[in-house]
Amino acid sequence: MDYWIHYLFAEHSESELKDWASRLQFFRYRRAYGGHANDGDSLDVALKYDSTKMLVDILRYLGIEPTVYSDKPKQPTPSTSYTYEEYCSFPSLISGTKWVEQPSYCNIDGIKVHISCEREIIKISLNHQDKYTVTTEDIECAEKLERKLGELKQHIVDPPRDIKHYVCPKYYPDIFS
């Protein structure tokens, strides 16, 4: 068995991933890069938007009231040192918008998620039980969220990023058959 396949199934067996694939329509299991990346596995879904208005409308549909600034808020200046508190005072803006703040950690229907937006993609990540591995509770939360996401089906991007770390039909058709 090659290294990648061994790594892919190290935390969750192939049969477990097949079970998840049969239960989830939109969320995809992402296997962490691992090593010194200090990332964890997650369940992700991505939604495409093509304008700031569409971005705001999708976030509002999900129950998230985005922070939209009427004027560009002060941002860090390159090559300038800031204290931690000073740096944290700068809002993290979604590139390409005028001027929508990244949602970051929030709740959708009472379920804790992390939302990040870039390059006209809204990525919703779930792994609130254990930040390094996906749990059965995460799968159950994803199933609940997918009921709401059904209305946004035309915006779904699969896989969320075009990499083999996402267990999706493109890279692992046998898991989805």
C-alpha atoms as a PDB file:
ATOM      1  CA  MET A   1       0.000   0.000   0.000  1.00  0.00           C
ATOM      2  CA  ASP A   2       1.485   3.346  -0.947  1.00  0.00           C
ATOM      3  CA  TYR A   3       2.208   5.962   1.698  1.00  0.00           C
ATOM      4  CA  TRP A   4      -0.641   8.313   0.739  1.00  0.00           C
ATOM      5  CA  ILE A   5      -3.356   5.640   0.950  1.00  0.00           C
ATOM      6  CA  HIS A   6      -1.949   4.465   4.289  1.00  0.00           C
ATOM      7  CA  TYR A   7      -2.019   8.075   5.568  1.00  0.00           C
ATOM      8  CA  LEU A   8      -5.513   8.734   4.166  1.00  0.00           C
ATOM      9  CA  PHE A   9      -7.017   5.834   6.128  1.00  0.00           C
ATOM     10  CA  ALA A  10      -4.856   6.192   9.264  1.00  0.00           C
ATOM     11  CA  GLU A  11      -7.550   8.007  11.295  1.00  0.00           C
ATOM     12  CA  HIS A  12     -10.698   6.607   9.673  1.00  0.00           C
ATOM     13  CA  SER A  13     -11.088   3.318   7.818  1.00  0.00           C
ATOM     14  CA  GLU A  14     -12.169   3.076   4.205  1.00  0.00           C
ATOM     15  CA  SER A  15     -15.512   1.630   5.322  1.00  0.00           C
ATOM     16  CA  GLU A  16     -16.047   4.565   7.693  1.00  0.00           C
ATOM     17  CA  LEU A  17     -15.308   7.047   4.897  1.00  0.00           C
ATOM     18  CA  LYS A  18     -17.720   5.134   2.625  1.00  0.00           C
ATOM     19  CA  ASP A  19     -20.385   5.454   5.307  1.00  0.00           C
ATOM     20  CA  TRP A  20     -19.775   9.208   5.546  1.00  0.00           C
ATOM     21  CA  ALA A  21     -19.865   9.523   1.743  1.00  0.00           C
ATOM     22  CA  SER A  22     -23.266   7.822   1.672  1.00  0.00           C
ATOM     23  CA  ARG A  23     -24.595  10.154   4.386  1.00  0.00           C
ATOM     24  CA  LEU A  24     -23.215  13.480   3.145  1.00  0.00           C
ATOM     25  CA  GLN A  25     -24.100  15.166  -0.123  1.00  0.00           C
ATOM     26  CA  PHE A  26     -22.074  18.408   0.100  1.00  0.00           C
ATOM     27  CA  PHE A  27     -19.559  18.241   2.945  1.00  0.00           C
ATOM     28  CA  ARG A  28     -16.248  16.567   2.134  1.00  0.00           C
ATOM     29  CA  TYR A  29     -13.766  15.030   4.542  1.00  0.00           C
ATOM     30  CA  ARG A  30     -10.375  16.713   4.209  1.00  0.00           C
ATOM     31  CA  ARG A  31      -7.333  14.790   5.388  1.00  0.00           C
ATOM     32  CA  ALA A  32      -4.822  17.129   6.995  1.00  0.00           C
ATOM     33  CA  TYR A  33      -1.472  17.909   5.422  1.00  0.00           C
ATOM     34  CA  GLY A  34       0.027  16.839   8.727  1.00  0.00           C
ATOM     35  CA  GLY A  35       3.589  17.050   9.929  1.00  0.00           C
ATOM     36  CA  HIS A  36       4.716  20.544  10.765  1.00  0.00           C
ATOM     37  CA  ALA A  37       1.650  22.129   9.129  1.00  0.00           C
ATOM     38  CA  ASN A  38      -0.196  21.801  12.482  1.00  0.00           C
ATOM     39  CA  ASP A  39      -3.477  21.460  10.633  1.00  0.00           C
ATOM     40  CA  GLY A  40      -6.230  19.024  11.397  1.00  0.00           C
ATOM     41  CA  ASP A  41      -8.719  16.961   9.469  1.00  0.00           C
ATOM     42  CA  SER A  42     -12.012  18.703   8.764  1.00  0.00           C
ATOM     43  CA  LEU A  43     -15.341  18.498   7.012  1.00  0.00           C
ATOM     44  CA  ASP A  44     -15.628  21.286   4.452  1.00  0.00           C
ATOM     45  CA  VAL A  45     -18.133  22.600   1.975  1.00  0.00           C
ATOM     46  CA  ALA A  46     -17.491  25.405  -0.513  1.00  0.00           C
ATOM     47  CA  LEU A  47     -19.977  27.819  -2.056  1.00  0.00           C
ATOM     48  CA  LYS A  48     -19.225  30.000  -5.089  1.00  0.00           C
ATOM     49  CA  TYR A  49     -20.303  33.636  -5.248  1.00  0.00           C
ATOM     50  CA  ASP A  50     -19.727  36.187  -8.006  1.00  0.00           C
ATOM     51  CA  SER A  51     -20.430  39.505  -6.306  1.00  0.00           C
ATOM     52  CA  THR A  52     -20.336  41.134  -2.903  1.00  0.00           C
ATOM     53  CA  LYS A  53     -24.132  41.208  -2.934  1.00  0.00           C
ATOM     54  CA  MET A  54     -24.305  37.451  -3.549  1.00  0.00           C
ATOM     55  CA  LEU A  55     -21.731  36.848  -0.788  1.00  0.00           C
ATOM     56  CA  VAL A  56     -23.757  38.913   1.684  1.00  0.00           C
ATOM     57  CA  ASP A  57     -27.026  37.250   0.594  1.00  0.00           C
ATOM     58  CA  ILE A  58     -25.578  33.743   1.086  1.00  0.00           C
ATOM     59  CA  LEU A  59     -24.174  34.624   4.516  1.00  0.00           C
ATOM     60  CA  ARG A  60     -27.520  36.109   5.563  1.00  0.00           C
ATOM     61  CA  TYR A  61     -29.352  33.016   4.319  1.00  0.00           C
ATOM     62  CA  LEU A  62     -27.045  30.985   6.575  1.00  0.00           C
ATOM     63  CA  GLY A  63     -28.049  33.222   9.498  1.00  0.00           C
ATOM     64  CA  ILE A  64     -24.810  35.194   9.619  1.00  0.00           C
ATOM     65  CA  GLU A  65     -25.037  38.971   9.579  1.00  0.00           C
ATOM     66  CA  PRO A  66     -21.814  40.075   7.893  1.00  0.00           C
ATOM     67  CA  THR A  67     -19.957  43.153   9.037  1.00  0.00           C
ATOM     68  CA  VAL A  68     -19.840  45.525   6.063  1.00  0.00           C
ATOM     69  CA  TYR A  69     -17.916  48.782   6.426  1.00  0.00           C
ATOM     70  CA  SER A  70     -19.085  51.916   4.589  1.00  0.00           C
ATOM     71  CA  ASP A  71     -15.465  53.114   4.356  1.00  0.00           C
ATOM     72  CA  LYS A  72     -12.322  51.038   4.192  1.00  0.00           C
ATOM     73  CA  PRO A  73     -11.230  50.409   7.775  1.00  0.00           C
ATOM     74  CA  LYS A  74      -7.645  50.960   8.797  1.00  0.00           C
ATOM     75  CA  GLN A  75      -5.445  48.012   7.845  1.00  0.00           C
ATOM     76  CA  PRO A  76      -1.916  47.046   8.930  1.00  0.00           C
ATOM     77  CA  THR A  77       0.881  48.777   7.081  1.00  0.00           C
ATOM     78  CA  PRO A  78       3.551  46.475   5.631  1.00  0.00           C
ATOM     79  CA  SER A  79       6.912  46.577   7.439  1.00  0.00           C
ATOM     80  CA  THR A  80       5.319  48.141  10.526  1.00  0.00           C
ATOM     81  CA  SER A  81       5.500  46.459  13.924  1.00  0.00           C
ATOM     82  CA  TYR A  82       2.351  46.145  16.007  1.00  0.00           C
ATOM     83  CA  THR A  83       1.600  44.774  19.429  1.00  0.00           C
ATOM     84  CA  TYR A  84      -0.685  41.751  19.459  1.00  0.00           C
ATOM     85  CA  GLU A  85      -3.597  43.911  20.635  1.00  0.00           C
ATOM     86  CA  GLU A  86      -2.964  46.523  17.938  1.00  0.00           C
ATOM     87  CA  TYR A  87      -2.770  43.911  15.204  1.00  0.00           C
ATOM     88  CA  CYS A  88      -5.951  42.190  16.409  1.00  0.00           C
ATOM     89  CA  SER A  89      -7.807  45.509  16.187  1.00  0.00           C
ATOM     90  CA  PHE A  90      -7.543  45.470  12.373  1.00  0.00           C
ATOM     91  CA  PRO A  91     -10.543  43.742  10.783  1.00  0.00           C
ATOM     92  CA  SER A  92      -9.740  40.867   8.435  1.00  0.00           C
ATOM     93  CA  LEU A  93     -11.405  41.859   5.170  1.00  0.00           C
ATOM     94  CA  ILE A  94     -12.520  39.537   2.387  1.00  0.00           C
ATOM     95  CA  SER A  95     -10.369  40.396  -0.618  1.00  0.00           C
ATOM     96  CA  GLY A  96     -12.261  41.704  -3.621  1.00  0.00           C
ATOM     97  CA  THR A  97     -15.068  43.201  -1.515  1.00  0.00           C
ATOM     98  CA  LYS A  98     -15.832  46.695  -0.300  1.00  0.00           C
ATOM     99  CA  TRP A  99     -15.388  46.017   2.728  1.00  0.00           C
ATOM    100  CA  VAL A 100     -16.801  42.838   4.159  1.00  0.00           C
ATOM    101  CA  GLU A 101     -15.143  41.307   7.202  1.00  0.00           C
ATOM    102  CA  GLN A 102     -14.261  37.602   7.288  1.00  0.00           C
ATOM    103  CA  PRO A 103     -16.947  35.741   9.280  1.00  0.00           C
ATOM    104  CA  SER A 104     -14.353  33.452  10.954  1.00  0.00           C
ATOM    105  CA  TYR A 105     -15.807  31.439  13.877  1.00  0.00           C
ATOM    106  CA  CYS A 106     -19.584  31.584  14.065  1.00  0.00           C
ATOM    107  CA  ASN A 107     -22.714  29.465  14.367  1.00  0.00           C
ATOM    108  CA  ILE A 108     -25.170  28.269  11.754  1.00  0.00           C
ATOM    109  CA  ASP A 109     -28.387  27.028  13.353  1.00  0.00           C
ATOM    110  CA  GLY A 110     -26.506  26.560  16.632  1.00  0.00           C
ATOM    111  CA  ILE A 111     -23.668  24.571  15.047  1.00  0.00           C
ATOM    112  CA  LYS A 112     -20.152  25.956  15.498  1.00  0.00           C
ATOM    113  CA  VAL A 113     -18.335  26.429  12.174  1.00  0.00           C
ATOM    114  CA  HIS A 114     -15.409  28.322  10.743  1.00  0.00           C
ATOM    115  CA  ILE A 115     -16.095  30.346   7.609  1.00  0.00           C
ATOM    116  CA  SER A 116     -13.411  31.835   5.408  1.00  0.00           C
ATOM    117  CA  CYS A 117     -13.920  33.594   2.093  1.00  0.00           C
ATOM    118  CA  GLU A 118     -11.409  34.075  -0.687  1.00  0.00           C
ATOM    119  CA  ARG A 119     -11.309  34.047  -4.484  1.00  0.00           C
ATOM    120  CA  GLU A 120     -15.120  34.090  -4.687  1.00  0.00           C
ATOM    121  CA  ILE A 121     -15.443  30.963  -2.529  1.00  0.00           C
ATOM    122  CA  ILE A 122     -17.107  30.681   0.887  1.00  0.00           C
ATOM    123  CA  LYS A 123     -15.580  27.728   2.743  1.00  0.00           C
ATOM    124  CA  ILE A 124     -17.443  26.344   5.745  1.00  0.00           C
ATOM    125  CA  SER A 125     -15.429  23.995   7.975  1.00  0.00           C
ATOM    126  CA  LEU A 126     -16.625  21.716  10.740  1.00  0.00           C
ATOM    127  CA  ASN A 127     -14.471  20.019  13.363  1.00  0.00           C
ATOM    128  CA  HIS A 128     -15.539  21.483  16.650  1.00  0.00           C
ATOM    129  CA  GLN A 129     -15.303  18.394  18.823  1.00  0.00           C
ATOM    130  CA  ASP A 130     -11.554  17.873  18.324  1.00  0.00           C
ATOM    131  CA  LYS A 131      -9.622  20.346  16.227  1.00  0.00           C
ATOM    132  CA  TYR A 132      -7.408  17.637  14.724  1.00  0.00           C
ATOM    133  CA  THR A 133      -9.838  14.889  13.777  1.00  0.00           C
ATOM    134  CA  VAL A 134     -13.391  14.544  12.491  1.00  0.00           C
ATOM    135  CA  THR A 135     -15.832  12.892  14.890  1.00  0.00           C
ATOM    136  CA  THR A 136     -19.214  11.199  14.570  1.00  0.00           C
ATOM    137  CA  GLU A 137     -20.726  14.326  16.112  1.00  0.00           C
ATOM    138  CA  ASP A 138     -19.202  16.397  13.288  1.00  0.00           C
ATOM    139  CA  ILE A 139     -20.848  14.094  10.721  1.00  0.00           C
ATOM    140  CA  GLU A 140     -24.205  14.516  12.467  1.00  0.00           C
ATOM    141  CA  CYS A 141     -23.772  18.309  12.489  1.00  0.00           C
ATOM    142  CA  ALA A 142     -22.874  18.254   8.781  1.00  0.00           C
ATOM    143  CA  GLU A 143     -26.049  16.278   8.045  1.00  0.00           C
ATOM    144  CA  LYS A 144     -28.094  18.969   9.823  1.00  0.00           C
ATOM    145  CA  LEU A 145     -26.340  21.792   7.976  1.00  0.00           C
ATOM    146  CA  GLU A 146     -26.826  20.079   4.623  1.00  0.00           C
ATOM    147  CA  ARG A 147     -30.594  20.414   4.997  1.00  0.00           C
ATOM    148  CA  LYS A 148     -30.104  24.180   4.941  1.00  0.00           C
ATOM    149  CA  LEU A 149     -27.447  24.025   2.200  1.00  0.00           C
ATOM    150  CA  GLY A 150     -29.853  22.215  -0.131  1.00  0.00           C
ATOM    151  CA  GLU A 151     -31.307  25.613  -1.075  1.00  0.00           C
ATOM    152  CA  LEU A 152     -27.809  26.702  -2.157  1.00  0.00           C
ATOM    153  CA  LYS A 153     -27.037  23.577  -4.195  1.00  0.00           C
ATOM    154  CA  GLN A 154     -26.308  25.591  -7.356  1.00  0.00           C
ATOM    155  CA  HIS A 155     -23.448  27.337  -5.510  1.00  0.00           C
ATOM    156  CA  ILE A 156     -21.703  24.167  -4.254  1.00  0.00           C
ATOM    157  CA  VAL A 157     -18.113  23.606  -5.427  1.00  0.00           C
ATOM    158  CA  ASP A 158     -16.972  19.968  -5.281  1.00  0.00           C
ATOM    159  CA  PRO A 159     -14.321  19.396  -4.125  1.00  0.00           C
ATOM    160  CA  PRO A 160     -13.937  22.542  -2.009  1.00  0.00           C
ATOM    161  CA  ARG A 161     -10.333  22.772  -3.317  1.00  0.00           C
ATOM    162  CA  ASP A 162      -9.031  20.690  -6.167  1.00  0.00           C
ATOM    163  CA  ILE A 163      -6.617  18.575  -4.108  1.00  0.00           C
ATOM    164  CA  LYS A 164      -6.438  14.877  -3.265  1.00  0.00           C
ATOM    165  CA  HIS A 165      -6.790  15.643   0.445  1.00  0.00           C
ATOM    166  CA  TYR A 166     -10.541  15.942  -0.136  1.00  0.00           C
ATOM    167  CA  VAL A 167     -12.355  12.620  -0.218  1.00  0.00           C
ATOM    168  CA  CYS A 168     -14.697  13.305  -3.125  1.00  0.00           C
ATOM    169  CA  PRO A 169     -15.968  11.483  -6.235  1.00  0.00           C
ATOM    170  CA  LYS A 170     -13.274  13.069  -8.427  1.00  0.00           C
ATOM    171  CA  TYR A 171     -10.355  11.571  -6.473  1.00  0.00           C
ATOM    172  CA  TYR A 172     -11.927   8.553  -4.759  1.00  0.00           C
ATOM    173  CA  PRO A 173     -14.789   7.269  -6.948  1.00  0.00           C
ATOM    174  CA  ASP A 174     -14.683   3.832  -5.275  1.00  0.00           C
ATOM    175  CA  ILE A 175     -15.630   5.380  -1.946  1.00  0.00           C
ATOM    176  CA  PHE A 176     -18.712   6.931  -3.564  1.00  0.00           C
ATOM    177  CA  SER A 177     -19.840   3.887  -5.577  1.00  0.00           C
END
